[in-house]
């Protein structure tokens, strides 16, 4: 193998190694930022941690919204049509929040299982 061929092989190996490192770092960074949420069935089955803030998603049950008149706290039921659970949210609700609408809450407090 002559010197020019060794140089090309070395260059190709460095490029492949660099691309592998870049892909690995990108995959690691993306895995840290995944926003997964618990469905009402997972909450019902006990897969979600209890008495802590979680991300939850589902459909808001009709007639289940209960607002605290003195604060921004709102309790409501969410369902995936198999199970339902009551969650508590504190903060300003988005304009598109309503009963019968699908939602994903980033930080809600798991209250009880219905």
PDB file of N, CA and C in Angstrom:
ATOM      1  N   UNK A   1       0.853  -1.165   0.000  1.00  0.00           N
ATOM      2  CA  UNK A   1       0.000   0.000   0.000  1.00  0.00           C
ATOM      3  C   UNK A   1       0.903   1.234   0.000  1.00  0.00           C
ATOM      4  N   UNK A   2       0.651   2.114  -0.926  1.00  0.00           N
ATOM      5  CA  UNK A   2       1.514   3.292  -1.012  1.00  0.00           C
ATOM      6  C   UNK A   2       1.037   4.375  -0.037  1.00  0.00           C
ATOM      7  N   UNK A   3       1.810   5.434   0.102  1.00  0.00           N
ATOM      8  CA  UNK A   3       1.559   6.488   1.087  1.00  0.00           C
ATOM      9  C   UNK A   3       0.262   7.238   0.805  1.00  0.00           C
ATOM     10  N   UNK A   4      -0.041   7.487  -0.467  1.00  0.00           N
ATOM     11  CA  UNK A   4      -1.265   8.230  -0.800  1.00  0.00           C
ATOM     12  C   UNK A   4      -2.512   7.413  -0.439  1.00  0.00           C
ATOM     13  N   UNK A   5      -2.447   6.117  -0.649  1.00  0.00           N
ATOM     14  CA  UNK A   5      -3.577   5.247  -0.324  1.00  0.00           C
ATOM     15  C   UNK A   5      -3.770   5.176   1.202  1.00  0.00           C
ATOM     16  N   UNK A   6      -2.686   5.111   1.965  1.00  0.00           N
ATOM     17  CA  UNK A   6      -2.773   5.109   3.424  1.00  0.00           C
ATOM     18  C   UNK A   6      -3.374   6.424   3.923  1.00  0.00           C
ATOM     19  N   UNK A   7      -3.000   7.512   3.305  1.00  0.00           N
ATOM     20  CA  UNK A   7      -3.506   8.826   3.698  1.00  0.00           C
ATOM     21  C   UNK A   7      -5.022   8.913   3.441  1.00  0.00           C
ATOM     22  N   UNK A   8      -5.471   8.401   2.300  1.00  0.00           N
ATOM     23  CA  UNK A   8      -6.907   8.407   1.991  1.00  0.00           C
ATOM     24  C   UNK A   8      -7.671   7.528   2.975  1.00  0.00           C
ATOM     25  N   UNK A   9      -7.130   6.352   3.287  1.00  0.00           N
ATOM     26  CA  UNK A   9      -7.769   5.442   4.231  1.00  0.00           C
ATOM     27  C   UNK A   9      -7.876   6.098   5.610  1.00  0.00           C
ATOM     28  N   UNK A  10      -6.828   6.744   6.035  1.00  0.00           N
ATOM     29  CA  UNK A  10      -6.835   7.441   7.320  1.00  0.00           C
ATOM     30  C   UNK A  10      -7.887   8.541   7.320  1.00  0.00           C
ATOM     31  N   UNK A  11      -7.971   9.302   6.249  1.00  0.00           N
ATOM     32  CA  UNK A  11      -8.956  10.375   6.138  1.00  0.00           C
ATOM     33  C   UNK A  11     -10.380   9.816   6.194  1.00  0.00           C
ATOM     34  N   UNK A  12     -10.633   8.730   5.478  1.00  0.00           N
ATOM     35  CA  UNK A  12     -11.959   8.109   5.486  1.00  0.00           C
ATOM     36  C   UNK A  12     -12.302   7.607   6.881  1.00  0.00           C
ATOM     37  N   UNK A  13     -11.360   6.980   7.576  1.00  0.00           N
ATOM     38  CA  UNK A  13     -11.605   6.479   8.926  1.00  0.00           C
ATOM     39  C   UNK A  13     -11.885   7.626   9.902  1.00  0.00           C
ATOM     40  N   UNK A  14     -11.159   8.728   9.773  1.00  0.00           N
ATOM     41  CA  UNK A  14     -11.388   9.891  10.640  1.00  0.00           C
ATOM     42  C   UNK A  14     -12.786  10.470  10.382  1.00  0.00           C
ATOM     43  N   UNK A  15     -13.196  10.549   9.126  1.00  0.00           N
ATOM     44  CA  UNK A  15     -14.529  11.068   8.797  1.00  0.00           C
ATOM     45  C   UNK A  15     -15.615  10.155   9.358  1.00  0.00           C
ATOM     46  N   UNK A  16     -15.448   8.847   9.190  1.00  0.00           N
ATOM     47  CA  UNK A  16     -16.434   7.889   9.716  1.00  0.00           C
ATOM     48  C   UNK A  16     -16.496   7.968  11.238  1.00  0.00           C
ATOM     49  N   UNK A  17     -15.367   8.039  11.901  1.00  0.00           N
ATOM     50  CA  UNK A  17     -15.326   8.143  13.355  1.00  0.00           C
ATOM     51  C   UNK A  17     -15.971   9.448  13.816  1.00  0.00           C
ATOM     52  N   UNK A  18     -15.654  10.549  13.145  1.00  0.00           N
ATOM     53  CA  UNK A  18     -16.251  11.846  13.504  1.00  0.00           C
ATOM     54  C   UNK A  18     -17.760  11.851  13.316  1.00  0.00           C
ATOM     55  N   UNK A  19     -18.234  11.264  12.222  1.00  0.00           N
ATOM     56  CA  UNK A  19     -19.674  11.185  11.983  1.00  0.00           C
ATOM     57  C   UNK A  19     -20.348  10.308  13.035  1.00  0.00           C
ATOM     58  N   UNK A  20     -19.705   9.219  13.436  1.00  0.00           N
ATOM     59  CA  UNK A  20     -20.258   8.338  14.470  1.00  0.00           C
ATOM     60  C   UNK A  20     -20.368   9.066  15.804  1.00  0.00           C
ATOM     61  N   UNK A  21     -19.351   9.811  16.164  1.00  0.00           N
ATOM     62  CA  UNK A  21     -19.383  10.578  17.416  1.00  0.00           C
ATOM     63  C   UNK A  21     -20.496  11.629  17.346  1.00  0.00           C
ATOM     64  N   UNK A  22     -20.633  12.319  16.216  1.00  0.00           N
ATOM     65  CA  UNK A  22     -21.667  13.342  16.065  1.00  0.00           C
ATOM     66  C   UNK A  22     -23.062  12.728  16.182  1.00  0.00           C
ATOM     67  N   UNK A  23     -23.286  11.589  15.551  1.00  0.00           N
ATOM     68  CA  UNK A  23     -24.584  10.915  15.637  1.00  0.00           C
ATOM     69  C   UNK A  23     -24.851  10.456  17.069  1.00  0.00           C
ATOM     70  N   UNK A  24     -23.862   9.920  17.732  1.00  0.00           N
ATOM     71  CA  UNK A  24     -24.022   9.474  19.113  1.00  0.00           C
ATOM     72  C   UNK A  24     -24.349  10.620  20.056  1.00  0.00           C
ATOM     73  N   UNK A  25     -23.652  11.742  19.925  1.00  0.00           N
ATOM     74  CA  UNK A  25     -23.931  12.900  20.768  1.00  0.00           C
ATOM     75  C   UNK A  25     -25.318  13.480  20.482  1.00  0.00           C
ATOM     76  N   UNK A  26     -25.712  13.488  19.220  1.00  0.00           N
ATOM     77  CA  UNK A  26     -27.049  13.978  18.863  1.00  0.00           C
ATOM     78  C   UNK A  26     -28.127  13.083  19.455  1.00  0.00           C
ATOM     79  N   UNK A  27     -27.957  11.786  19.350  1.00  0.00           N
ATOM     80  CA  UNK A  27     -28.934  10.847  19.914  1.00  0.00           C
ATOM     81  C   UNK A  27     -29.022  10.998  21.430  1.00  0.00           C
ATOM     82  N   UNK A  28     -27.896  11.175  22.089  1.00  0.00           N
ATOM     83  CA  UNK A  28     -27.890  11.362  23.539  1.00  0.00           C
ATOM     84  C   UNK A  28     -28.615  12.652  23.921  1.00  0.00           C
ATOM     85  N   UNK A  29     -28.344  13.733  23.206  1.00  0.00           N
ATOM     86  CA  UNK A  29     -28.990  15.015  23.500  1.00  0.00           C
ATOM     87  C   UNK A  29     -30.500  14.933  23.279  1.00  0.00           C
ATOM     88  N   UNK A  30     -30.925  14.265  22.227  1.00  0.00           N
ATOM     89  CA  UNK A  30     -32.355  14.144  21.957  1.00  0.00           C
ATOM     90  C   UNK A  30     -33.056  13.266  22.988  1.00  0.00           C
ATOM     91  N   UNK A  31     -32.379  12.240  23.471  1.00  0.00           N
ATOM     92  CA  UNK A  31     -33.002  11.365  24.464  1.00  0.00           C
ATOM     93  C   UNK A  31     -33.217  12.094  25.786  1.00  0.00           C
ATOM     94  N   UNK A  32     -32.425  13.111  26.066  1.00  0.00           N
ATOM     95  CA  UNK A  32     -32.584  13.887  27.288  1.00  0.00           C
ATOM     96  C   UNK A  32     -33.769  14.849  27.201  1.00  0.00           C
ATOM     97  N   UNK A  33     -34.218  15.177  26.002  1.00  0.00           N
ATOM     98  CA  UNK A  33     -35.264  16.181  25.817  1.00  0.00           C
ATOM     99  C   UNK A  33     -36.599  15.600  25.379  1.00  0.00           C
ATOM    100  N   UNK A  34     -36.766  14.297  25.445  1.00  0.00           N
ATOM    101  CA  UNK A  34     -38.028  13.687  25.041  1.00  0.00           C
ATOM    102  C   UNK A  34     -39.084  13.997  26.100  1.00  0.00           C
ATOM    103  N   UNK A  35     -40.221  14.494  25.669  1.00  0.00           N
ATOM    104  CA  UNK A  35     -41.322  14.803  26.576  1.00  0.00           C
ATOM    105  C   UNK A  35     -42.375  13.706  26.492  1.00  0.00           C
ATOM    106  N   UNK A  36     -42.205  12.676  27.286  1.00  0.00           N
ATOM    107  CA  UNK A  36     -43.186  11.602  27.336  1.00  0.00           C
ATOM    108  C   UNK A  36     -44.233  11.937  28.378  1.00  0.00           C
ATOM    109  N   UNK A  37     -45.428  11.423  28.214  1.00  0.00           N
ATOM    110  CA  UNK A  37     -46.476  11.669  29.194  1.00  0.00           C
ATOM    111  C   UNK A  37     -47.178  10.365  29.527  1.00  0.00           C
ATOM    112  N   UNK A  38     -47.852  10.385  30.663  1.00  0.00           N
ATOM    113  CA  UNK A  38     -48.604   9.220  31.122  1.00  0.00           C
ATOM    114  C   UNK A  38     -50.052   9.355  30.665  1.00  0.00           C
ATOM    115  N   UNK A  39     -50.610   8.273  30.164  1.00  0.00           N
ATOM    116  CA  UNK A  39     -52.030   8.252  29.802  1.00  0.00           C
ATOM    117  C   UNK A  39     -52.836   7.950  31.065  1.00  0.00           C
ATOM    118  N   UNK A  40     -54.141   8.237  31.054  1.00  0.00           N
ATOM    119  CA  UNK A  40     -54.960   7.899  32.221  1.00  0.00           C
ATOM    120  C   UNK A  40     -54.919   6.407  32.580  1.00  0.00           C
ATOM    121  N   UNK A  41     -54.799   5.530  31.586  1.00  0.00           N
ATOM    122  CA  UNK A  41     -54.701   4.092  31.887  1.00  0.00           C
ATOM    123  C   UNK A  41     -53.408   3.774  32.615  1.00  0.00           C
ATOM    124  N   UNK A  42     -52.298   4.393  32.206  1.00  0.00           N
ATOM    125  CA  UNK A  42     -51.023   4.168  32.896  1.00  0.00           C
ATOM    126  C   UNK A  42     -51.079   4.712  34.317  1.00  0.00           C
ATOM    127  N   UNK A  43     -51.747   5.843  34.498  1.00  0.00           N
ATOM    128  CA  UNK A  43     -51.910   6.390  35.843  1.00  0.00           C
ATOM    129  C   UNK A  43     -52.768   5.450  36.678  1.00  0.00           C
ATOM    130  N   UNK A  44     -53.855   4.945  36.100  1.00  0.00           N
ATOM    131  CA  UNK A  44     -54.760   4.027  36.785  1.00  0.00           C
ATOM    132  C   UNK A  44     -54.050   2.738  37.191  1.00  0.00           C
ATOM    133  N   UNK A  45     -53.194   2.214  36.315  1.00  0.00           N
ATOM    134  CA  UNK A  45     -52.490   0.964  36.588  1.00  0.00           C
ATOM    135  C   UNK A  45     -51.327   1.132  37.561  1.00  0.00           C
ATOM    136  N   UNK A  46     -51.027   2.369  37.955  1.00  0.00           N
ATOM    137  CA  UNK A  46     -49.967   2.615  38.927  1.00  0.00           C
ATOM    138  C   UNK A  46     -48.592   2.766  38.327  1.00  0.00           C
ATOM    139  N   UNK A  47     -48.492   2.942  37.014  1.00  0.00           N
ATOM    140  CA  UNK A  47     -47.189   3.110  36.372  1.00  0.00           C
ATOM    141  C   UNK A  47     -46.621   4.506  36.576  1.00  0.00           C
ATOM    142  N   UNK A  48     -47.473   5.481  36.855  1.00  0.00           N
ATOM    143  CA  UNK A  48     -47.023   6.858  37.103  1.00  0.00           C
ATOM    144  C   UNK A  48     -46.684   7.004  38.582  1.00  0.00           C
ATOM    145  N   UNK A  49     -45.675   7.803  38.911  1.00  0.00           N
ATOM    146  CA  UNK A  49     -45.340   8.007  40.319  1.00  0.00           C
ATOM    147  C   UNK A  49     -46.466   8.719  41.062  1.00  0.00           C
ATOM    148  N   UNK A  50     -46.683   8.362  42.315  1.00  0.00           N
ATOM    149  CA  UNK A  50     -47.751   8.954  43.112  1.00  0.00           C
ATOM    150  C   UNK A  50     -47.243  10.182  43.856  1.00  0.00           C
ATOM    151  N   UNK A  51     -48.153  11.095  44.143  1.00  0.00           N
ATOM    152  CA  UNK A  51     -47.885  12.294  44.935  1.00  0.00           C
ATOM    153  C   UNK A  51     -46.695  13.093  44.412  1.00  0.00           C
ATOM    154  N   UNK A  52     -46.638  13.272  43.122  1.00  0.00           N
ATOM    155  CA  UNK A  52     -45.580  14.065  42.507  1.00  0.00           C
ATOM    156  C   UNK A  52     -46.106  14.699  41.236  1.00  0.00           C
ATOM    157  N   UNK A  53     -45.375  15.652  40.708  1.00  0.00           N
ATOM    158  CA  UNK A  53     -45.764  16.294  39.455  1.00  0.00           C
ATOM    159  C   UNK A  53     -45.396  15.370  38.297  1.00  0.00           C
ATOM    160  N   UNK A  54     -46.332  15.238  37.359  1.00  0.00           N
ATOM    161  CA  UNK A  54     -46.116  14.371  36.200  1.00  0.00           C
ATOM    162  C   UNK A  54     -46.588  15.074  34.943  1.00  0.00           C
ATOM    163  N   UNK A  55     -46.272  14.510  33.790  1.00  0.00           N
ATOM    164  CA  UNK A  55     -46.852  14.934  32.510  1.00  0.00           C
ATOM    165  C   UNK A  55     -47.963  13.946  32.192  1.00  0.00           C
ATOM    166  N   UNK A  56     -49.149  14.465  31.929  1.00  0.00           N
ATOM    167  CA  UNK A  56     -50.294  13.601  31.664  1.00  0.00           C
ATOM    168  C   UNK A  56     -51.002  14.065  30.400  1.00  0.00           C
ATOM    169  N   UNK A  57     -51.617  13.125  29.703  1.00  0.00           N
ATOM    170  CA  UNK A  57     -52.338  13.473  28.491  1.00  0.00           C
ATOM    171  C   UNK A  57     -53.609  12.670  28.370  1.00  0.00           C
ATOM    172  N   UNK A  58     -54.586  13.258  27.721  1.00  0.00           N
ATOM    173  CA  UNK A  58     -55.858  12.578  27.512  1.00  0.00           C
ATOM    174  C   UNK A  58     -56.910  13.570  27.073  1.00  0.00           C
ATOM    175  N   UNK A  59     -58.147  13.123  27.100  1.00  0.00           N
ATOM    176  CA  UNK A  59     -59.287  13.959  26.741  1.00  0.00           C
ATOM    177  C   UNK A  59     -59.915  14.503  28.022  1.00  0.00           C
ATOM    178  N   UNK A  60     -60.241  15.797  28.021  1.00  0.00           N
ATOM    179  CA  UNK A  60     -60.886  16.405  29.177  1.00  0.00           C
ATOM    180  C   UNK A  60     -62.339  15.932  29.219  1.00  0.00           C
ATOM    181  N   UNK A  61     -62.751  15.375  30.358  1.00  0.00           N
ATOM    182  CA  UNK A  61     -64.103  14.837  30.522  1.00  0.00           C
ATOM    183  C   UNK A  61     -65.104  15.992  30.612  1.00  0.00           C
ATOM    184  N   UNK A  62     -66.214  15.848  29.900  1.00  0.00           N
ATOM    185  CA  UNK A  62     -67.284  16.864  29.903  1.00  0.00           C
ATOM    186  C   UNK A  62     -67.804  17.074  31.325  1.00  0.00           C
ATOM    187  N   UNK A  63     -67.927  18.319  31.746  1.00  0.00           N
ATOM    188  CA  UNK A  63     -68.490  18.664  33.050  1.00  0.00           C
ATOM    189  C   UNK A  63     -67.587  18.399  34.227  1.00  0.00           C
ATOM    190  N   UNK A  64     -66.306  18.188  34.020  1.00  0.00           N
ATOM    191  CA  UNK A  64     -65.413  17.825  35.125  1.00  0.00           C
ATOM    192  C   UNK A  64     -64.512  18.966  35.591  1.00  0.00           C
ATOM    193  N   UNK A  65     -64.576  20.115  34.956  1.00  0.00           N
ATOM    194  CA  UNK A  65     -63.673  21.219  35.302  1.00  0.00           C
ATOM    195  C   UNK A  65     -64.174  21.913  36.566  1.00  0.00           C
ATOM    196  N   UNK A  66     -63.284  21.988  37.575  1.00  0.00           N
ATOM    197  CA  UNK A  66     -63.576  22.648  38.838  1.00  0.00           C
ATOM    198  C   UNK A  66     -62.483  23.672  39.096  1.00  0.00           C
ATOM    199  N   UNK A  67     -62.857  24.955  39.121  1.00  0.00           N
ATOM    200  CA  UNK A  67     -61.890  26.040  39.313  1.00  0.00           C
ATOM    201  C   UNK A  67     -61.950  26.543  40.754  1.00  0.00           C
ATOM    202  N   UNK A  68     -60.777  26.874  41.309  1.00  0.00           N
ATOM    203  CA  UNK A  68     -60.697  27.500  42.620  1.00  0.00           C
ATOM    204  C   UNK A  68     -60.881  29.002  42.408  1.00  0.00           C
ATOM    205  N   UNK A  69     -61.897  29.623  43.018  1.00  0.00           N
ATOM    206  CA  UNK A  69     -62.154  31.044  42.765  1.00  0.00           C
ATOM    207  C   UNK A  69     -61.084  31.986  43.320  1.00  0.00           C
ATOM    208  N   UNK A  70     -60.241  31.505  44.238  1.00  0.00           N
ATOM    209  CA  UNK A  70     -59.249  32.388  44.854  1.00  0.00           C
ATOM    210  C   UNK A  70     -57.846  32.230  44.282  1.00  0.00           C
ATOM    211  N   UNK A  71     -57.650  31.276  43.379  1.00  0.00           N
ATOM    212  CA  UNK A  71     -56.311  31.061  42.825  1.00  0.00           C
ATOM    213  C   UNK A  71     -56.432  30.577  41.383  1.00  0.00           C
ATOM    214  N   UNK A  72     -55.309  30.226  40.791  1.00  0.00           N
ATOM    215  CA  UNK A  72     -55.277  29.715  39.425  1.00  0.00           C
ATOM    216  C   UNK A  72     -55.350  28.188  39.371  1.00  0.00           C
ATOM    217  N   UNK A  73     -55.712  27.562  40.485  1.00  0.00           N
ATOM    218  CA  UNK A  73     -55.774  26.108  40.558  1.00  0.00           C
ATOM    219  C   UNK A  73     -57.039  25.591  39.879  1.00  0.00           C
ATOM    220  N   UNK A  74     -56.867  24.574  39.045  1.00  0.00           N
ATOM    221  CA  UNK A  74     -57.985  23.958  38.334  1.00  0.00           C
ATOM    222  C   UNK A  74     -57.856  22.448  38.473  1.00  0.00           C
ATOM    223  N   UNK A  75     -58.949  21.789  38.825  1.00  0.00           N
ATOM    224  CA  UNK A  75     -59.001  20.329  38.850  1.00  0.00           C
ATOM    225  C   UNK A  75     -59.957  19.877  37.755  1.00  0.00           C
ATOM    226  N   UNK A  76     -59.589  18.810  37.077  1.00  0.00           N
ATOM    227  CA  UNK A  76     -60.477  18.247  36.069  1.00  0.00           C
ATOM    228  C   UNK A  76     -60.094  16.804  35.830  1.00  0.00           C
ATOM    229  N   UNK A  77     -60.990  16.078  35.197  1.00  0.00           N
ATOM    230  CA  UNK A  77     -60.760  14.671  34.886  1.00  0.00           C
ATOM    231  C   UNK A  77     -60.282  14.555  33.446  1.00  0.00           C
ATOM    232  N   UNK A  78     -59.334  13.640  33.227  1.00  0.00           N
ATOM    233  CA  UNK A  78     -58.908  13.304  31.869  1.00  0.00           C
ATOM    234  C   UNK A  78     -59.140  11.809  31.665  1.00  0.00           C
ATOM    235  N   UNK A  79     -59.411  11.441  30.425  1.00  0.00           N
ATOM    236  CA  UNK A  79     -59.710  10.044  30.123  1.00  0.00           C
ATOM    237  C   UNK A  79     -59.074   9.645  28.800  1.00  0.00           C
ATOM    238  N   UNK A  80     -58.847   8.350  28.664  1.00  0.00           N
ATOM    239  CA  UNK A  80     -58.456   7.786  27.370  1.00  0.00           C
ATOM    240  C   UNK A  80     -59.530   6.796  26.924  1.00  0.00           C
ATOM    241  N   UNK A  81     -60.726   6.973  27.473  1.00  0.00           N
ATOM    242  CA  UNK A  81     -61.928   6.172  27.194  1.00  0.00           C
ATOM    243  C   UNK A  81     -61.834   4.751  27.744  1.00  0.00           C
ATOM    244  N   UNK A  82     -60.758   4.425  28.420  1.00  0.00           N
ATOM    245  CA  UNK A  82     -60.667   3.161  29.140  1.00  0.00           C
ATOM    246  C   UNK A  82     -60.701   3.434  30.643  1.00  0.00           C
ATOM    247  N   UNK A  83     -59.972   4.451  31.071  1.00  0.00           N
ATOM    248  CA  UNK A  83     -59.920   4.859  32.471  1.00  0.00           C
ATOM    249  C   UNK A  83     -59.908   6.378  32.526  1.00  0.00           C
ATOM    250  N   UNK A  84     -60.244   6.914  33.688  1.00  0.00           N
ATOM    251  CA  UNK A  84     -60.210   8.364  33.901  1.00  0.00           C
ATOM    252  C   UNK A  84     -59.472   8.638  35.193  1.00  0.00           C
ATOM    253  N   UNK A  85     -58.865   9.798  35.289  1.00  0.00           N
ATOM    254  CA  UNK A  85     -58.182  10.207  36.507  1.00  0.00           C
ATOM    255  C   UNK A  85     -58.341  11.706  36.689  1.00  0.00           C
ATOM    256  N   UNK A  86     -58.312  12.142  37.935  1.00  0.00           N
ATOM    257  CA  UNK A  86     -58.421  13.556  38.258  1.00  0.00           C
ATOM    258  C   UNK A  86     -57.017  14.137  38.399  1.00  0.00           C
ATOM    259  N   UNK A  87     -56.789  15.253  37.736  1.00  0.00           N
ATOM    260  CA  UNK A  87     -55.506  15.932  37.837  1.00  0.00           C
ATOM    261  C   UNK A  87     -55.738  17.361  38.293  1.00  0.00           C
ATOM    262  N   UNK A  88     -54.705  17.941  38.874  1.00  0.00           N
ATOM    263  CA  UNK A  88     -54.759  19.324  39.343  1.00  0.00           C
ATOM    264  C   UNK A  88     -53.703  20.119  38.602  1.00  0.00           C
ATOM    265  N   UNK A  89     -54.090  21.262  38.085  1.00  0.00           N
ATOM    266  CA  UNK A  89     -53.174  22.132  37.348  1.00  0.00           C
ATOM    267  C   UNK A  89     -53.237  23.518  37.960  1.00  0.00           C
ATOM    268  N   UNK A  90     -52.087  24.134  38.179  1.00  0.00           N
ATOM    269  CA  UNK A  90     -52.030  25.495  38.691  1.00  0.00           C
ATOM    270  C   UNK A  90     -51.345  26.362  37.656  1.00  0.00           C
ATOM    271  N   UNK A  91     -52.043  27.370  37.194  1.00  0.00           N
ATOM    272  CA  UNK A  91     -51.493  28.277  36.195  1.00  0.00           C
ATOM    273  C   UNK A  91     -52.585  28.744  35.251  1.00  0.00           C
ATOM    274  N   UNK A  92     -52.170  29.555  34.300  1.00  0.00           N
ATOM    275  CA  UNK A  92     -53.110  30.059  33.314  1.00  0.00           C
ATOM    276  C   UNK A  92     -53.318  28.987  32.255  1.00  0.00           C
ATOM    277  N   UNK A  93     -54.574  28.645  32.026  1.00  0.00           N
ATOM    278  CA  UNK A  93     -54.888  27.627  31.025  1.00  0.00           C
ATOM    279  C   UNK A  93     -54.806  28.233  29.624  1.00  0.00           C
ATOM    280  N   UNK A  94     -54.391  27.445  28.636  1.00  0.00           N
ATOM    281  CA  UNK A  94     -54.346  27.948  27.264  1.00  0.00           C
ATOM    282  C   UNK A  94     -55.741  28.294  26.747  1.00  0.00           C
ATOM    283  N   UNK A  95     -55.803  29.164  25.764  1.00  0.00           N
ATOM    284  CA  UNK A  95     -57.081  29.582  25.184  1.00  0.00           C
ATOM    285  C   UNK A  95     -57.852  28.408  24.582  1.00  0.00           C
ATOM    286  N   UNK A  96     -57.154  27.416  24.067  1.00  0.00           N
ATOM    287  CA  UNK A  96     -57.813  26.282  23.416  1.00  0.00           C
ATOM    288  C   UNK A  96     -58.245  25.189  24.387  1.00  0.00           C
ATOM    289  N   UNK A  97     -58.003  25.352  25.678  1.00  0.00           N
ATOM    290  CA  UNK A  97     -58.406  24.359  26.673  1.00  0.00           C
ATOM    291  C   UNK A  97     -59.922  24.388  26.815  1.00  0.00           C
ATOM    292  N   UNK A  98     -60.554  23.223  26.702  1.00  0.00           N
ATOM    293  CA  UNK A  98     -61.996  23.111  26.911  1.00  0.00           C
ATOM    294  C   UNK A  98     -62.361  21.641  27.108  1.00  0.00           C
ATOM    295  N   UNK A  99     -63.587  21.427  27.526  1.00  0.00           N
ATOM    296  CA  UNK A  99     -64.086  20.068  27.731  1.00  0.00           C
ATOM    297  C   UNK A  99     -64.174  19.346  26.394  1.00  0.00           C
ATOM    298  N   UNK A 100     -63.849  18.056  26.400  1.00  0.00           N
ATOM    299  CA  UNK A 100     -63.897  17.252  25.188  1.00  0.00           C
ATOM    300  C   UNK A 100     -62.683  17.425  24.296  1.00  0.00           C
ATOM    301  N   UNK A 101     -61.713  18.221  24.710  1.00  0.00           N
ATOM    302  CA  UNK A 101     -60.511  18.508  23.923  1.00  0.00           C
ATOM    303  C   UNK A 101     -59.359  17.622  24.416  1.00  0.00           C
ATOM    304  N   UNK A 102     -58.531  17.154  23.501  1.00  0.00           N
ATOM    305  CA  UNK A 102     -57.340  16.407  23.870  1.00  0.00           C
ATOM    306  C   UNK A 102     -56.269  17.361  24.367  1.00  0.00           C
ATOM    307  N   UNK A 103     -55.579  16.981  25.448  1.00  0.00           N
ATOM    308  CA  UNK A 103     -54.555  17.851  26.025  1.00  0.00           C
ATOM    309  C   UNK A 103     -53.352  17.035  26.475  1.00  0.00           C
ATOM    310  N   UNK A 104     -52.222  17.704  26.614  1.00  0.00           N
ATOM    311  CA  UNK A 104     -51.040  17.164  27.279  1.00  0.00           C
ATOM    312  C   UNK A 104     -50.603  18.217  28.278  1.00  0.00           C
ATOM    313  N   UNK A 105     -50.640  17.873  29.557  1.00  0.00           N
ATOM    314  CA  UNK A 105     -50.225  18.782  30.620  1.00  0.00           C
ATOM    315  C   UNK A 105     -48.764  18.545  30.926  1.00  0.00           C
ATOM    316  N   UNK A 106     -47.973  19.597  30.916  1.00  0.00           N
ATOM    317  CA  UNK A 106     -46.548  19.436  31.168  1.00  0.00           C
ATOM    318  C   UNK A 106     -46.252  19.201  32.632  1.00  0.00           C
ATOM    319  N   UNK A 107     -46.928  19.911  33.511  1.00  0.00           N
ATOM    320  CA  UNK A 107     -46.722  19.693  34.938  1.00  0.00           C
ATOM    321  C   UNK A 107     -48.058  19.752  35.640  1.00  0.00           C
ATOM    322  N   UNK A 108     -48.572  18.610  35.972  1.00  0.00           N
ATOM    323  CA  UNK A 108     -49.832  18.558  36.712  1.00  0.00           C
ATOM    324  C   UNK A 108     -49.611  17.693  37.939  1.00  0.00           C
ATOM    325  N   UNK A 109     -50.489  17.820  38.880  1.00  0.00           N
ATOM    326  CA  UNK A 109     -50.408  17.057  40.124  1.00  0.00           C
ATOM    327  C   UNK A 109     -51.430  15.944  40.060  1.00  0.00           C
ATOM    328  N   UNK A 110     -50.964  14.733  40.180  1.00  0.00           N
ATOM    329  CA  UNK A 110     -51.860  13.584  40.171  1.00  0.00           C
ATOM    330  C   UNK A 110     -52.609  13.545  41.483  1.00  0.00           C
ATOM    331  N   UNK A 111     -53.917  13.544  41.411  1.00  0.00           N
ATOM    332  CA  UNK A 111     -54.718  13.588  42.626  1.00  0.00           C
ATOM    333  C   UNK A 111     -55.287  12.221  42.990  1.00  0.00           C
ATOM    334  N   UNK A 112     -56.300  11.796  42.274  1.00  0.00           N
ATOM    335  CA  UNK A 112     -56.982  10.544  42.622  1.00  0.00           C
ATOM    336  C   UNK A 112     -57.270   9.765  41.365  1.00  0.00           C
ATOM    337  N   UNK A 113     -57.604   8.530  41.534  1.00  0.00           N
ATOM    338  CA  UNK A 113     -58.004   7.695  40.407  1.00  0.00           C
ATOM    339  C   UNK A 113     -59.504   7.524  40.444  1.00  0.00           C
ATOM    340  N   UNK A 114     -60.171   7.756  39.312  1.00  0.00           N
ATOM    341  CA  UNK A 114     -61.631   7.640  39.246  1.00  0.00           C
ATOM    342  C   UNK A 114     -61.989   6.263  38.732  1.00  0.00           C
TER     343      UNK A 114
END
